[in-house]
Amino acid sequence: ASKVVIKFLQLMQKHGYIGEFELVDDHRAGKIVVELNGRLNKCGVISPRYDIGHAQIEDWIARLLPSRQFGMIVLTTSQGIMDHEEARRKRVG
């Protein structure tokens, strides 16, 4: 399992979307067992990846999230993986 996937799961766990998760070593790439808690309605990926600046985060929030108080966009930045709120605070895109 890649570091990016693990960081993503830690972020989802921090926000309460998933419960515990554990890595299972199958002597290959590894598997991850995730405990779902019922709070996750929909999860998607944006492909291909887009480079967005700090100023464009608001546009993506309006385009992707159902409303202002629901949902989260996960960004990979030069300062690590973070949600859109943290990226907005740190002014990174």
PDB file of N, CA and C in Angstrom:
ATOM      1  N   ALA A   1       0.856  -1.187   0.000  1.00  0.00           N
ATOM      2  CA  ALA A   1       0.000   0.000   0.000  1.00  0.00           C
ATOM      3  C   ALA A   1       0.891   1.237   0.000  1.00  0.00           C
ATOM      4  N   SER A   2       0.529   2.210  -0.808  1.00  0.00           N
ATOM      5  CA  SER A   2       1.387   3.379  -0.947  1.00  0.00           C
ATOM      6  C   SER A   2       1.202   4.356   0.217  1.00  0.00           C
ATOM      7  N   LYS A   3       2.188   5.213   0.392  1.00  0.00           N
ATOM      8  CA  LYS A   3       2.128   6.226   1.445  1.00  0.00           C
ATOM      9  C   LYS A   3       0.985   7.197   1.196  1.00  0.00           C
ATOM     10  N   VAL A   4       0.698   7.473  -0.079  1.00  0.00           N
ATOM     11  CA  VAL A   4      -0.383   8.403  -0.427  1.00  0.00           C
ATOM     12  C   VAL A   4      -1.730   7.846   0.035  1.00  0.00           C
ATOM     13  N   VAL A   5      -1.950   6.552  -0.184  1.00  0.00           N
ATOM     14  CA  VAL A   5      -3.204   5.923   0.230  1.00  0.00           C
ATOM     15  C   VAL A   5      -3.339   5.963   1.747  1.00  0.00           C
ATOM     16  N   ILE A   6      -2.261   5.684   2.452  1.00  0.00           N
ATOM     17  CA  ILE A   6      -2.296   5.686   3.917  1.00  0.00           C
ATOM     18  C   ILE A   6      -2.575   7.090   4.449  1.00  0.00           C
ATOM     19  N   LYS A   7      -1.925   8.105   3.873  1.00  0.00           N
ATOM     20  CA  LYS A   7      -2.176   9.491   4.296  1.00  0.00           C
ATOM     21  C   LYS A   7      -3.627   9.880   4.023  1.00  0.00           C
ATOM     22  N   PHE A   8      -4.165   9.437   2.874  1.00  0.00           N
ATOM     23  CA  PHE A   8      -5.560   9.714   2.534  1.00  0.00           C
ATOM     24  C   PHE A   8      -6.495   9.089   3.569  1.00  0.00           C
ATOM     25  N   LEU A   9      -6.234   7.831   3.932  1.00  0.00           N
ATOM     26  CA  LEU A   9      -7.070   7.155   4.922  1.00  0.00           C
ATOM     27  C   LEU A   9      -6.971   7.828   6.289  1.00  0.00           C
ATOM     28  N   GLN A  10      -5.774   8.297   6.657  1.00  0.00           N
ATOM     29  CA  GLN A  10      -5.615   9.005   7.933  1.00  0.00           C
ATOM     30  C   GLN A  10      -6.437  10.290   7.940  1.00  0.00           C
ATOM     31  N   LEU A  11      -6.478  10.978   6.807  1.00  0.00           N
ATOM     32  CA  LEU A  11      -7.263  12.209   6.691  1.00  0.00           C
ATOM     33  C   LEU A  11      -8.759  11.901   6.806  1.00  0.00           C
ATOM     34  N   MET A  12      -9.204  10.836   6.142  1.00  0.00           N
ATOM     35  CA  MET A  12     -10.616  10.432   6.224  1.00  0.00           C
ATOM     36  C   MET A  12     -10.982  10.035   7.658  1.00  0.00           C
ATOM     37  N   GLN A  13     -10.042   9.388   8.341  1.00  0.00           N
ATOM     38  CA  GLN A  13     -10.265   8.976   9.726  1.00  0.00           C
ATOM     39  C   GLN A  13     -10.331  10.195  10.642  1.00  0.00           C
ATOM     40  N   LYS A  14      -9.454  11.163  10.410  1.00  0.00           N
ATOM     41  CA  LYS A  14      -9.426  12.381  11.226  1.00  0.00           C
ATOM     42  C   LYS A  14     -10.758  13.128  11.144  1.00  0.00           C
ATOM     43  N   HIS A  15     -11.374  13.109   9.966  1.00  0.00           N
ATOM     44  CA  HIS A  15     -12.650  13.798   9.770  1.00  0.00           C
ATOM     45  C   HIS A  15     -13.852  12.923  10.127  1.00  0.00           C
ATOM     46  N   GLY A  16     -13.608  11.692  10.578  1.00  0.00           N
ATOM     47  CA  GLY A  16     -14.684  10.830  11.051  1.00  0.00           C
ATOM     48  C   GLY A  16     -15.452  10.097   9.972  1.00  0.00           C
ATOM     49  N   TYR A  17     -14.933  10.037   8.756  1.00  0.00           N
ATOM     50  CA  TYR A  17     -15.637   9.341   7.680  1.00  0.00           C
ATOM     51  C   TYR A  17     -15.447   7.829   7.741  1.00  0.00           C
ATOM     52  N   ILE A  18     -14.321   7.373   8.287  1.00  0.00           N
ATOM     53  CA  ILE A  18     -14.070   5.936   8.424  1.00  0.00           C
ATOM     54  C   ILE A  18     -13.596   5.655   9.845  1.00  0.00           C
ATOM     55  N   GLY A  19     -13.671   4.385  10.231  1.00  0.00           N
ATOM     56  CA  GLY A  19     -13.168   3.971  11.540  1.00  0.00           C
ATOM     57  C   GLY A  19     -11.692   3.623  11.437  1.00  0.00           C
ATOM     58  N   GLU A  20     -11.326   2.545  12.095  1.00  0.00           N
ATOM     59  CA  GLU A  20      -9.931   2.103  12.067  1.00  0.00           C
ATOM     60  C   GLU A  20      -9.604   1.451  10.729  1.00  0.00           C
ATOM     61  N   PHE A  21      -8.315   1.432  10.409  1.00  0.00           N
ATOM     62  CA  PHE A  21      -7.866   0.654   9.251  1.00  0.00           C
ATOM     63  C   PHE A  21      -6.562  -0.025   9.608  1.00  0.00           C
ATOM     64  N   GLU A  22      -6.329  -1.179   8.992  1.00  0.00           N
ATOM     65  CA  GLU A  22      -5.096  -1.911   9.284  1.00  0.00           C
ATOM     66  C   GLU A  22      -4.493  -2.449   7.997  1.00  0.00           C
ATOM     67  N   LEU A  23      -3.174  -2.449   7.965  1.00  0.00           N
ATOM     68  CA  LEU A  23      -2.453  -2.970   6.810  1.00  0.00           C
ATOM     69  C   LEU A  23      -2.274  -4.469   6.973  1.00  0.00           C
ATOM     70  N   VAL A  24      -2.576  -5.214   5.915  1.00  0.00           N
ATOM     71  CA  VAL A  24      -2.414  -6.661   5.910  1.00  0.00           C
ATOM     72  C   VAL A  24      -1.301  -6.983   4.924  1.00  0.00           C
ATOM     73  N   ASP A  25      -0.250  -7.621   5.420  1.00  0.00           N
ATOM     74  CA  ASP A  25       0.893  -7.948   4.568  1.00  0.00           C
ATOM     75  C   ASP A  25       0.618  -9.263   3.852  1.00  0.00           C
ATOM     76  N   ASP A  26       0.482  -9.214   2.533  1.00  0.00           N
ATOM     77  CA  ASP A  26       0.261 -10.438   1.757  1.00  0.00           C
ATOM     78  C   ASP A  26       1.501 -10.792   0.937  1.00  0.00           C
ATOM     79  N   HIS A  27       2.650 -10.258   1.334  1.00  0.00           N
ATOM     80  CA  HIS A  27       3.939 -10.472   0.661  1.00  0.00           C
ATOM     81  C   HIS A  27       3.925  -9.970  -0.780  1.00  0.00           C
ATOM     82  N   ARG A  28       2.995  -9.083  -1.099  1.00  0.00           N
ATOM     83  CA  ARG A  28       2.960  -8.436  -2.414  1.00  0.00           C
ATOM     84  C   ARG A  28       2.897  -6.937  -2.157  1.00  0.00           C
ATOM     85  N   ALA A  29       1.898  -6.299  -2.718  1.00  0.00           N
ATOM     86  CA  ALA A  29       1.755  -4.855  -2.514  1.00  0.00           C
ATOM     87  C   ALA A  29       1.138  -4.545  -1.153  1.00  0.00           C
ATOM     88  N   GLY A  30       0.460  -5.513  -0.554  1.00  0.00           N
ATOM     89  CA  GLY A  30      -0.199  -5.289   0.722  1.00  0.00           C
ATOM     90  C   GLY A  30      -1.652  -4.906   0.517  1.00  0.00           C
ATOM     91  N   LYS A  31      -2.453  -5.196   1.520  1.00  0.00           N
ATOM     92  CA  LYS A  31      -3.871  -4.851   1.474  1.00  0.00           C
ATOM     93  C   LYS A  31      -4.187  -4.027   2.707  1.00  0.00           C
ATOM     94  N   ILE A  32      -5.255  -3.258   2.613  1.00  0.00           N
ATOM     95  CA  ILE A  32      -5.690  -2.450   3.743  1.00  0.00           C
ATOM     96  C   ILE A  32      -7.138  -2.806   4.041  1.00  0.00           C
ATOM     97  N   VAL A  33      -7.420  -3.144   5.288  1.00  0.00           N
ATOM     98  CA  VAL A  33      -8.785  -3.421   5.726  1.00  0.00           C
ATOM     99  C   VAL A  33      -9.298  -2.161   6.415  1.00  0.00           C
ATOM    100  N   VAL A  34     -10.394  -1.617   5.891  1.00  0.00           N
ATOM    101  CA  VAL A  34     -10.947  -0.362   6.403  1.00  0.00           C
ATOM    102  C   VAL A  34     -12.287  -0.640   7.070  1.00  0.00           C
ATOM    103  N   GLU A  35     -12.467  -0.103   8.281  1.00  0.00           N
ATOM    104  CA  GLU A  35     -13.726  -0.232   9.006  1.00  0.00           C
ATOM    105  C   GLU A  35     -14.613   0.956   8.634  1.00  0.00           C
ATOM    106  N   LEU A  36     -15.738   0.680   7.991  1.00  0.00           N
ATOM    107  CA  LEU A  36     -16.661   1.746   7.600  1.00  0.00           C
ATOM    108  C   LEU A  36     -17.624   2.023   8.742  1.00  0.00           C
ATOM    109  N   ASN A  37     -17.967   3.297   8.951  1.00  0.00           N
ATOM    110  CA  ASN A  37     -18.866   3.637  10.049  1.00  0.00           C
ATOM    111  C   ASN A  37     -20.204   4.201   9.567  1.00  0.00           C
ATOM    112  N   GLY A  38     -20.467   4.175   8.269  1.00  0.00           N
ATOM    113  CA  GLY A  38     -21.759   4.616   7.761  1.00  0.00           C
ATOM    114  C   GLY A  38     -21.853   6.090   7.416  1.00  0.00           C
ATOM    115  N   ARG A  39     -20.811   6.864   7.670  1.00  0.00           N
ATOM    116  CA  ARG A  39     -20.860   8.297   7.380  1.00  0.00           C
ATOM    117  C   ARG A  39     -20.455   8.625   5.950  1.00  0.00           C
ATOM    118  N   LEU A  40     -19.881   7.665   5.255  1.00  0.00           N
ATOM    119  CA  LEU A  40     -19.378   7.904   3.908  1.00  0.00           C
ATOM    120  C   LEU A  40     -20.470   7.568   2.902  1.00  0.00           C
ATOM    121  N   ASN A  41     -20.979   8.602   2.200  1.00  0.00           N
ATOM    122  CA  ASN A  41     -22.025   8.382   1.206  1.00  0.00           C
ATOM    123  C   ASN A  41     -21.449   8.178  -0.180  1.00  0.00           C
ATOM    124  N   LYS A  42     -20.475   8.982  -0.524  1.00  0.00           N
ATOM    125  CA  LYS A  42     -19.917   8.915  -1.874  1.00  0.00           C
ATOM    126  C   LYS A  42     -18.455   9.332  -1.811  1.00  0.00           C
ATOM    127  N   CYS A  43     -17.629   8.635  -2.555  1.00  0.00           N
ATOM    128  CA  CYS A  43     -16.214   8.963  -2.611  1.00  0.00           C
ATOM    129  C   CYS A  43     -15.778   8.790  -4.054  1.00  0.00           C
ATOM    130  N   GLY A  44     -15.125   9.788  -4.605  1.00  0.00           N
ATOM    131  CA  GLY A  44     -14.719   9.710  -5.999  1.00  0.00           C
ATOM    132  C   GLY A  44     -13.320  10.240  -6.188  1.00  0.00           C
ATOM    133  N   VAL A  45     -12.806  10.013  -7.383  1.00  0.00           N
ATOM    134  CA  VAL A  45     -11.475  10.501  -7.727  1.00  0.00           C
ATOM    135  C   VAL A  45     -11.594  11.349  -8.984  1.00  0.00           C
ATOM    136  N   ILE A  46     -10.800  12.395  -9.047  1.00  0.00           N
ATOM    137  CA  ILE A  46     -10.775  13.256 -10.223  1.00  0.00           C
ATOM    138  C   ILE A  46      -9.606  12.805 -11.086  1.00  0.00           C
ATOM    139  N   SER A  47      -9.938  12.358 -12.286  1.00  0.00           N
ATOM    140  CA  SER A  47      -8.899  11.866 -13.180  1.00  0.00           C
ATOM    141  C   SER A  47      -9.120  12.465 -14.556  1.00  0.00           C
ATOM    142  N   PRO A  48      -8.152  13.028 -15.181  1.00  0.00           N
ATOM    143  CA  PRO A  48      -6.754  13.114 -14.775  1.00  0.00           C
ATOM    144  C   PRO A  48      -6.573  14.143 -13.662  1.00  0.00           C
ATOM    145  N   ARG A  49      -5.410  14.125 -13.050  1.00  0.00           N
ATOM    146  CA  ARG A  49      -5.124  15.093 -11.988  1.00  0.00           C
ATOM    147  C   ARG A  49      -4.999  16.488 -12.577  1.00  0.00           C
ATOM    148  N   TYR A  50      -5.467  17.465 -11.847  1.00  0.00           N
ATOM    149  CA  TYR A  50      -5.385  18.854 -12.280  1.00  0.00           C
ATOM    150  C   TYR A  50      -4.464  19.624 -11.352  1.00  0.00           C
ATOM    151  N   ASP A  51      -3.676  20.517 -11.921  1.00  0.00           N
ATOM    152  CA  ASP A  51      -2.883  21.442 -11.116  1.00  0.00           C
ATOM    153  C   ASP A  51      -3.761  22.651 -10.844  1.00  0.00           C
ATOM    154  N   ILE A  52      -4.021  22.911  -9.565  1.00  0.00           N
ATOM    155  CA  ILE A  52      -4.823  24.082  -9.231  1.00  0.00           C
ATOM    156  C   ILE A  52      -4.053  24.941  -8.249  1.00  0.00           C
ATOM    157  N   GLY A  53      -4.200  26.230  -8.404  1.00  0.00           N
ATOM    158  CA  GLY A  53      -3.567  27.174  -7.498  1.00  0.00           C
ATOM    159  C   GLY A  53      -4.483  27.479  -6.334  1.00  0.00           C
ATOM    160  N   HIS A  54      -3.961  28.208  -5.380  1.00  0.00           N
ATOM    161  CA  HIS A  54      -4.732  28.580  -4.192  1.00  0.00           C
ATOM    162  C   HIS A  54      -6.011  29.320  -4.583  1.00  0.00           C
ATOM    163  N   ALA A  55      -5.925  30.183  -5.573  1.00  0.00           N
ATOM    164  CA  ALA A  55      -7.073  31.001  -5.978  1.00  0.00           C
ATOM    165  C   ALA A  55      -8.185  30.169  -6.618  1.00  0.00           C
ATOM    166  N   GLN A  56      -7.858  29.008  -7.143  1.00  0.00           N
ATOM    167  CA  GLN A  56      -8.859  28.190  -7.836  1.00  0.00           C
ATOM    168  C   GLN A  56      -9.581  27.202  -6.926  1.00  0.00           C
ATOM    169  N   ILE A  57      -9.180  27.094  -5.675  1.00  0.00           N
ATOM    170  CA  ILE A  57      -9.790  26.119  -4.766  1.00  0.00           C
ATOM    171  C   ILE A  57     -11.286  26.378  -4.626  1.00  0.00           C
ATOM    172  N   GLU A  58     -11.684  27.647  -4.504  1.00  0.00           N
ATOM    173  CA  GLU A  58     -13.104  27.991  -4.359  1.00  0.00           C
ATOM    174  C   GLU A  58     -13.928  27.494  -5.544  1.00  0.00           C
ATOM    175  N   ASP A  59     -13.384  27.624  -6.754  1.00  0.00           N
ATOM    176  CA  ASP A  59     -14.100  27.169  -7.953  1.00  0.00           C
ATOM    177  C   ASP A  59     -14.345  25.663  -7.894  1.00  0.00           C
ATOM    178  N   TRP A  60     -13.335  24.918  -7.458  1.00  0.00           N
ATOM    179  CA  TRP A  60     -13.461  23.461  -7.379  1.00  0.00           C
ATOM    180  C   TRP A  60     -14.430  23.051  -6.282  1.00  0.00           C
ATOM    181  N   ILE A  61     -14.445  23.793  -5.172  1.00  0.00           N
ATOM    182  CA  ILE A  61     -15.395  23.498  -4.092  1.00  0.00           C
ATOM    183  C   ILE A  61     -16.816  23.648  -4.616  1.00  0.00           C
ATOM    184  N   ALA A  62     -17.071  24.749  -5.330  1.00  0.00           N
ATOM    185  CA  ALA A  62     -18.408  24.993  -5.877  1.00  0.00           C
ATOM    186  C   ALA A  62     -18.786  23.927  -6.904  1.00  0.00           C
ATOM    187  N   ARG A  63     -17.824  23.472  -7.666  1.00  0.00           N
ATOM    188  CA  ARG A  63     -18.089  22.499  -8.727  1.00  0.00           C
ATOM    189  C   ARG A  63     -18.308  21.085  -8.187  1.00  0.00           C
ATOM    190  N   LEU A  64     -17.585  20.703  -7.135  1.00  0.00           N
ATOM    191  CA  LEU A  64     -17.574  19.304  -6.701  1.00  0.00           C
ATOM    192  C   LEU A  64     -18.445  18.981  -5.491  1.00  0.00           C
ATOM    193  N   LEU A  65     -18.536  19.890  -4.542  1.00  0.00           N
ATOM    194  CA  LEU A  65     -19.229  19.558  -3.297  1.00  0.00           C
ATOM    195  C   LEU A  65     -20.714  19.902  -3.383  1.00  0.00           C
ATOM    196  N   PRO A  66     -21.570  19.088  -2.740  1.00  0.00           N
ATOM    197  CA  PRO A  66     -23.014  19.330  -2.823  1.00  0.00           C
ATOM    198  C   PRO A  66     -23.458  20.626  -2.147  1.00  0.00           C
ATOM    199  N   SER A  67     -22.808  21.006  -1.056  1.00  0.00           N
ATOM    200  CA  SER A  67     -23.112  22.282  -0.404  1.00  0.00           C
ATOM    201  C   SER A  67     -21.907  22.707   0.425  1.00  0.00           C
ATOM    202  N   ARG A  68     -21.974  23.906   0.980  1.00  0.00           N
ATOM    203  CA  ARG A  68     -20.827  24.461   1.700  1.00  0.00           C
ATOM    204  C   ARG A  68     -20.473  23.653   2.949  1.00  0.00           C
ATOM    205  N   GLN A  69     -21.472  23.073   3.622  1.00  0.00           N
ATOM    206  CA  GLN A  69     -21.176  22.399   4.885  1.00  0.00           C
ATOM    207  C   GLN A  69     -20.958  20.894   4.747  1.00  0.00           C
ATOM    208  N   PHE A  70     -21.102  20.351   3.538  1.00  0.00           N
ATOM    209  CA  PHE A  70     -20.920  18.914   3.348  1.00  0.00           C
ATOM    210  C   PHE A  70     -19.711  18.637   2.480  1.00  0.00           C
ATOM    211  N   GLY A  71     -19.028  17.569   2.796  1.00  0.00           N
ATOM    212  CA  GLY A  71     -17.983  17.076   1.921  1.00  0.00           C
ATOM    213  C   GLY A  71     -16.613  17.657   2.163  1.00  0.00           C
ATOM    214  N   MET A  72     -15.664  17.077   1.449  1.00  0.00           N
ATOM    215  CA  MET A  72     -14.270  17.451   1.611  1.00  0.00           C
ATOM    216  C   MET A  72     -13.546  17.120   0.314  1.00  0.00           C
ATOM    217  N   ILE A  73     -12.648  17.993  -0.087  1.00  0.00           N
ATOM    218  CA  ILE A  73     -11.792  17.736  -1.237  1.00  0.00           C
ATOM    219  C   ILE A  73     -10.387  17.505  -0.700  1.00  0.00           C
ATOM    220  N   VAL A  74      -9.772  16.411  -1.113  1.00  0.00           N
ATOM    221  CA  VAL A  74      -8.415  16.085  -0.671  1.00  0.00           C
ATOM    222  C   VAL A  74      -7.447  16.499  -1.764  1.00  0.00           C
ATOM    223  N   LEU A  75      -6.439  17.283  -1.381  1.00  0.00           N
ATOM    224  CA  LEU A  75      -5.447  17.786  -2.326  1.00  0.00           C
ATOM    225  C   LEU A  75      -4.071  17.229  -1.980  1.00  0.00           C
ATOM    226  N   THR A  76      -3.291  16.911  -3.001  1.00  0.00           N
ATOM    227  CA  THR A  76      -1.884  16.596  -2.770  1.00  0.00           C
ATOM    228  C   THR A  76      -1.103  17.852  -3.116  1.00  0.00           C
ATOM    229  N   THR A  77      -0.385  18.377  -2.137  1.00  0.00           N
ATOM    230  CA  THR A  77       0.361  19.618  -2.317  1.00  0.00           C
ATOM    231  C   THR A  77       1.835  19.366  -2.040  1.00  0.00           C
ATOM    232  N   SER A  78       2.633  20.392  -2.245  1.00  0.00           N
ATOM    233  CA  SER A  78       4.057  20.287  -1.933  1.00  0.00           C
ATOM    234  C   SER A  78       4.277  20.138  -0.426  1.00  0.00           C
ATOM    235  N   GLN A  79       3.267  20.519   0.369  1.00  0.00           N
ATOM    236  CA  GLN A  79       3.360  20.400   1.827  1.00  0.00           C
ATOM    237  C   GLN A  79       2.618  19.172   2.349  1.00  0.00           C
ATOM    238  N   GLY A  80       2.334  18.223   1.464  1.00  0.00           N
ATOM    239  CA  GLY A  80       1.688  16.986   1.887  1.00  0.00           C
ATOM    240  C   GLY A  80       0.235  16.920   1.453  1.00  0.00           C
ATOM    241  N   ILE A  81      -0.431  15.874   1.903  1.00  0.00           N
ATOM    242  CA  ILE A  81      -1.834  15.645   1.562  1.00  0.00           C
ATOM    243  C   ILE A  81      -2.697  16.319   2.616  1.00  0.00           C
ATOM    244  N   MET A  82      -3.673  17.103   2.163  1.00  0.00           N
ATOM    245  CA  MET A  82      -4.524  17.844   3.096  1.00  0.00           C
ATOM    246  C   MET A  82      -5.895  18.069   2.483  1.00  0.00           C
ATOM    247  N   ASP A  83      -6.854  18.441   3.333  1.00  0.00           N
ATOM    248  CA  ASP A  83      -8.183  18.749   2.816  1.00  0.00           C
ATOM    249  C   ASP A  83      -8.210  20.199   2.328  1.00  0.00           C
ATOM    250  N   HIS A  84      -9.298  20.567   1.652  1.00  0.00           N
ATOM    251  CA  HIS A  84      -9.359  21.895   1.047  1.00  0.00           C
ATOM    252  C   HIS A  84      -9.348  23.020   2.080  1.00  0.00           C
ATOM    253  N   GLU A  85      -9.879  22.762   3.283  1.00  0.00           N
ATOM    254  CA  GLU A  85      -9.873  23.793   4.329  1.00  0.00           C
ATOM    255  C   GLU A  85      -8.444  24.118   4.766  1.00  0.00           C
ATOM    256  N   GLU A  86      -7.646  23.076   4.997  1.00  0.00           N
ATOM    257  CA  GLU A  86      -6.256  23.273   5.418  1.00  0.00           C
ATOM    258  C   GLU A  86      -5.442  23.933   4.309  1.00  0.00           C
ATOM    259  N   ALA A  87      -5.699  23.528   3.055  1.00  0.00           N
ATOM    260  CA  ALA A  87      -4.993  24.132   1.920  1.00  0.00           C
ATOM    261  C   ALA A  87      -5.328  25.615   1.817  1.00  0.00           C
ATOM    262  N   ARG A  88      -6.576  25.949   2.088  1.00  0.00           N
ATOM    263  CA  ARG A  88      -6.992  27.352   2.047  1.00  0.00           C
ATOM    264  C   ARG A  88      -6.291  28.147   3.157  1.00  0.00           C
ATOM    265  N   ARG A  89      -6.215  27.547   4.359  1.00  0.00           N
ATOM    266  CA  ARG A  89      -5.541  28.223   5.474  1.00  0.00           C
ATOM    267  C   ARG A  89      -4.056  28.429   5.194  1.00  0.00           C
ATOM    268  N   LYS A  90      -3.403  27.403   4.645  1.00  0.00           N
ATOM    269  CA  LYS A  90      -1.962  27.486   4.376  1.00  0.00           C
ATOM    270  C   LYS A  90      -1.650  28.196   3.060  1.00  0.00           C
ATOM    271  N   ARG A  91      -2.700  28.514   2.295  1.00  0.00           N
ATOM    272  CA  ARG A  91      -2.563  29.199   1.011  1.00  0.00           C
ATOM    273  C   ARG A  91      -1.687  28.415   0.032  1.00  0.00           C
ATOM    274  N   VAL A  92      -1.963  27.103  -0.061  1.00  0.00           N
ATOM    275  CA  VAL A  92      -1.265  26.265  -1.041  1.00  0.00           C
ATOM    276  C   VAL A  92      -2.301  25.611  -1.947  1.00  0.00           C
ATOM    277  N   GLY A  93      -1.852  25.227  -3.143  1.00  0.00           N
ATOM    278  CA  GLY A  93      -2.771  24.592  -4.089  1.00  0.00           C
ATOM    279  C   GLY A  93      -2.109  23.401  -4.731  1.00  0.00           C
TER     280      GLY A  93
END
